[in-house]
Amino acid sequence: MAKAKASPTRGSKVTFLLRDEHGERFRVGEVVGPLEQDPVTGEIWVGIRMADGPRRQTVTLIPVATVLNVTPPERGVV
């Protein structure tokens, strides 16, 4: 899988690869949190909200390495 060329920023829409107990699948979310570095591993994480479903209100941390595509924020979104 190729990584996204742009870095996600607040308000960006991101497509990422989610791996969990249900397998692998692509998901879309909106970036709501800053990029943060894990103090132990050095891996960069970002907070996102899922684009749909009941998890829309939940903020999920994902590793930036799983982000495949970044769409810049709409005008007026900060």
N, C-alpha and C. Protein backbone atom coordinates (compact mmCIF):
# COMPACT_ATOMS: atom_id res chain seq x y z
N MET A 1 0.83 -1.17 0.00
CA MET A 1 0.00 0.00 0.00
C MET A 1 0.88 1.25 0.00
N ALA A 2 0.52 2.21 -0.80
CA ALA A 2 1.26 3.47 -0.83
C ALA A 2 0.70 4.42 0.21
N LYS A 3 1.59 5.17 0.84
CA LYS A 3 1.17 6.17 1.82
C LYS A 3 0.67 7.41 1.10
N ALA A 4 -0.11 8.23 1.83
CA ALA A 4 -0.58 9.49 1.29
C ALA A 4 0.60 10.42 1.06
N LYS A 5 0.50 11.25 0.02
CA LYS A 5 1.57 12.19 -0.29
C LYS A 5 1.50 13.43 0.60
N ALA A 6 0.28 13.84 0.98
CA ALA A 6 0.11 15.02 1.82
C ALA A 6 -0.07 14.60 3.28
N SER A 7 0.26 15.50 4.18
CA SER A 7 0.10 15.24 5.60
C SER A 7 -1.30 15.69 6.03
N PRO A 8 -1.99 14.88 6.84
CA PRO A 8 -3.33 15.28 7.27
C PRO A 8 -3.29 16.47 8.23
N THR A 9 -4.24 17.39 8.07
CA THR A 9 -4.39 18.54 8.95
C THR A 9 -5.84 18.59 9.41
N ARG A 10 -6.12 19.37 10.44
CA ARG A 10 -7.47 19.45 10.98
C ARG A 10 -8.47 19.84 9.88
N GLY A 11 -9.54 19.07 9.77
CA GLY A 11 -10.56 19.30 8.76
C GLY A 11 -10.36 18.48 7.49
N SER A 12 -9.18 17.88 7.32
CA SER A 12 -8.93 17.03 6.15
C SER A 12 -9.80 15.79 6.21
N LYS A 13 -10.17 15.29 5.05
CA LYS A 13 -10.80 13.98 4.95
C LYS A 13 -9.69 13.00 4.61
N VAL A 14 -9.66 11.88 5.31
CA VAL A 14 -8.62 10.88 5.05
C VAL A 14 -9.24 9.53 4.77
N THR A 15 -8.61 8.80 3.88
CA THR A 15 -8.94 7.40 3.64
C THR A 15 -7.80 6.61 4.27
N PHE A 16 -8.16 5.63 5.09
CA PHE A 16 -7.12 4.86 5.78
C PHE A 16 -7.50 3.39 5.83
N LEU A 17 -6.51 2.57 6.07
CA LEU A 17 -6.70 1.13 6.17
C LEU A 17 -6.88 0.77 7.63
N LEU A 18 -8.05 0.24 7.97
CA LEU A 18 -8.36 -0.16 9.34
C LEU A 18 -8.16 -1.66 9.47
N ARG A 19 -7.38 -2.04 10.47
CA ARG A 19 -7.17 -3.46 10.77
C ARG A 19 -7.68 -3.71 12.18
N ASP A 20 -8.63 -4.62 12.32
CA ASP A 20 -9.13 -4.98 13.65
C ASP A 20 -9.59 -6.43 13.64
N GLU A 21 -10.36 -6.81 14.66
CA GLU A 21 -10.80 -8.21 14.77
C GLU A 21 -11.69 -8.65 13.61
N HIS A 22 -12.20 -7.70 12.84
CA HIS A 22 -13.06 -8.02 11.69
C HIS A 22 -12.29 -8.08 10.38
N GLY A 23 -10.99 -7.90 10.44
CA GLY A 23 -10.16 -7.95 9.23
C GLY A 23 -9.68 -6.58 8.80
N GLU A 24 -9.38 -6.44 7.51
CA GLU A 24 -8.90 -5.18 6.94
C GLU A 24 -9.98 -4.57 6.07
N ARG A 25 -10.12 -3.25 6.16
CA ARG A 25 -11.05 -2.55 5.28
C ARG A 25 -10.67 -1.08 5.22
N PHE A 26 -11.09 -0.43 4.16
CA PHE A 26 -10.83 0.99 4.00
C PHE A 26 -11.93 1.78 4.69
N ARG A 27 -11.56 2.86 5.37
CA ARG A 27 -12.51 3.72 6.06
C ARG A 27 -12.20 5.17 5.70
N VAL A 28 -13.19 6.03 5.88
CA VAL A 28 -13.03 7.46 5.64
C VAL A 28 -13.35 8.19 6.93
N GLY A 29 -12.56 9.19 7.25
CA GLY A 29 -12.79 9.97 8.45
C GLY A 29 -12.33 11.40 8.27
N GLU A 30 -12.69 12.24 9.23
CA GLU A 30 -12.28 13.65 9.23
C GLU A 30 -11.29 13.86 10.37
N VAL A 31 -10.20 14.53 10.06
CA VAL A 31 -9.17 14.79 11.06
C VAL A 31 -9.67 15.85 12.02
N VAL A 32 -9.66 15.53 13.32
CA VAL A 32 -10.12 16.47 14.34
C VAL A 32 -9.03 16.77 15.37
N GLY A 33 -7.98 16.01 15.35
CA GLY A 33 -6.92 16.20 16.34
C GLY A 33 -5.58 16.44 15.69
N PRO A 34 -4.67 16.93 16.49
CA PRO A 34 -3.33 17.21 15.97
C PRO A 34 -2.51 15.93 15.77
N LEU A 35 -1.46 16.06 15.02
CA LEU A 35 -0.50 14.97 14.88
C LEU A 35 0.29 14.88 16.17
N GLU A 36 0.37 13.70 16.74
CA GLU A 36 1.09 13.49 17.99
C GLU A 36 2.06 12.33 17.81
N GLN A 37 3.22 12.44 18.41
CA GLN A 37 4.22 11.39 18.34
C GLN A 37 4.16 10.51 19.58
N ASP A 38 4.15 9.19 19.37
CA ASP A 38 4.20 8.25 20.49
C ASP A 38 5.58 8.39 21.13
N PRO A 39 5.64 8.66 22.44
CA PRO A 39 6.94 8.88 23.08
C PRO A 39 7.83 7.64 23.13
N VAL A 40 7.24 6.46 23.00
CA VAL A 40 8.03 5.23 23.08
C VAL A 40 8.49 4.78 21.69
N THR A 41 7.54 4.68 20.74
CA THR A 41 7.88 4.14 19.42
C THR A 41 8.27 5.21 18.41
N GLY A 42 7.84 6.46 18.65
CA GLY A 42 8.12 7.53 17.68
C GLY A 42 7.10 7.58 16.56
N GLU A 43 6.14 6.64 16.55
CA GLU A 43 5.11 6.61 15.51
C GLU A 43 4.20 7.83 15.65
N ILE A 44 3.78 8.40 14.53
CA ILE A 44 2.92 9.59 14.52
C ILE A 44 1.46 9.15 14.42
N TRP A 45 0.60 9.72 15.29
CA TRP A 45 -0.82 9.41 15.35
C TRP A 45 -1.64 10.67 15.13
N VAL A 46 -2.87 10.51 14.66
CA VAL A 46 -3.78 11.64 14.47
C VAL A 46 -5.18 11.22 14.93
N GLY A 47 -5.93 12.18 15.47
CA GLY A 47 -7.31 11.92 15.89
C GLY A 47 -8.27 12.13 14.74
N ILE A 48 -9.17 11.18 14.53
CA ILE A 48 -10.16 11.29 13.45
C ILE A 48 -11.55 10.92 13.97
N ARG A 49 -12.56 11.40 13.26
CA ARG A 49 -13.94 10.96 13.46
C ARG A 49 -14.36 10.24 12.19
N MET A 50 -15.00 9.10 12.36
CA MET A 50 -15.48 8.34 11.20
C MET A 50 -16.51 9.17 10.44
N ALA A 51 -16.57 8.97 9.15
CA ALA A 51 -17.47 9.76 8.31
C ALA A 51 -18.93 9.32 8.44
N ASP A 52 -19.16 8.11 8.92
CA ASP A 52 -20.54 7.64 8.99
C ASP A 52 -20.73 6.69 10.16
N GLY A 53 -21.95 6.31 10.40
CA GLY A 53 -22.26 5.30 11.40
C GLY A 53 -22.28 5.82 12.82
N PRO A 54 -22.52 4.92 13.75
CA PRO A 54 -22.63 5.29 15.16
C PRO A 54 -21.32 5.79 15.77
N ARG A 55 -20.21 5.49 15.12
CA ARG A 55 -18.90 5.92 15.64
C ARG A 55 -18.58 7.36 15.24
N ARG A 56 -19.52 8.05 14.59
CA ARG A 56 -19.30 9.42 14.12
C ARG A 56 -18.92 10.36 15.27
N GLN A 57 -19.45 10.12 16.45
CA GLN A 57 -19.18 10.99 17.59
C GLN A 57 -17.92 10.60 18.36
N THR A 58 -17.35 9.46 18.05
CA THR A 58 -16.17 8.97 18.74
C THR A 58 -14.89 9.41 18.03
N VAL A 59 -13.94 9.92 18.79
CA VAL A 59 -12.63 10.26 18.21
C VAL A 59 -11.76 9.01 18.31
N THR A 60 -11.17 8.63 17.19
CA THR A 60 -10.32 7.46 17.11
C THR A 60 -8.91 7.90 16.75
N LEU A 61 -7.92 7.35 17.42
CA LEU A 61 -6.54 7.63 17.07
C LEU A 61 -6.07 6.59 16.07
N ILE A 62 -5.48 7.06 14.98
CA ILE A 62 -4.95 6.14 13.96
C ILE A 62 -3.50 6.54 13.66
N PRO A 63 -2.66 5.56 13.33
CA PRO A 63 -1.30 5.89 12.93
C PRO A 63 -1.32 6.54 11.55
N VAL A 64 -0.56 7.60 11.40
CA VAL A 64 -0.51 8.30 10.11
C VAL A 64 -0.03 7.36 9.00
N ALA A 65 0.75 6.35 9.35
CA ALA A 65 1.25 5.40 8.35
C ALA A 65 0.12 4.64 7.66
N THR A 66 -1.09 4.58 8.26
CA THR A 66 -2.21 3.88 7.65
C THR A 66 -3.02 4.76 6.71
N VAL A 67 -2.72 6.08 6.68
CA VAL A 67 -3.45 7.01 5.83
C VAL A 67 -3.00 6.84 4.38
N LEU A 68 -3.97 6.60 3.50
CA LEU A 68 -3.66 6.35 2.09
C LEU A 68 -3.95 7.55 1.21
N ASN A 69 -4.93 8.39 1.61
CA ASN A 69 -5.30 9.54 0.80
C ASN A 69 -5.75 10.67 1.72
N VAL A 70 -5.36 11.90 1.38
CA VAL A 70 -5.76 13.07 2.16
C VAL A 70 -6.42 14.07 1.23
N THR A 71 -7.64 14.51 1.58
CA THR A 71 -8.33 15.57 0.86
C THR A 71 -8.27 16.80 1.75
N PRO A 72 -7.73 17.90 1.24
CA PRO A 72 -7.59 19.10 2.08
C PRO A 72 -8.93 19.57 2.65
N PRO A 73 -8.89 20.30 3.77
CA PRO A 73 -10.12 20.79 4.37
C PRO A 73 -10.85 21.76 3.45
N GLU A 74 -12.17 21.84 3.63
CA GLU A 74 -12.96 22.79 2.87
C GLU A 74 -12.62 24.19 3.35
N ARG A 75 -12.89 25.19 2.51
CA ARG A 75 -12.63 26.58 2.90
C ARG A 75 -13.41 26.92 4.16
N GLY A 76 -12.79 27.68 5.03
CA GLY A 76 -13.45 28.11 6.25
C GLY A 76 -13.31 27.15 7.41
N VAL A 77 -12.77 25.95 7.17
CA VAL A 77 -12.57 24.98 8.24
C VAL A 77 -11.18 25.21 8.81
N VAL A 78 -11.11 25.37 10.12
CA VAL A 78 -9.80 25.60 10.76
C VAL A 78 -9.56 24.54 11.79
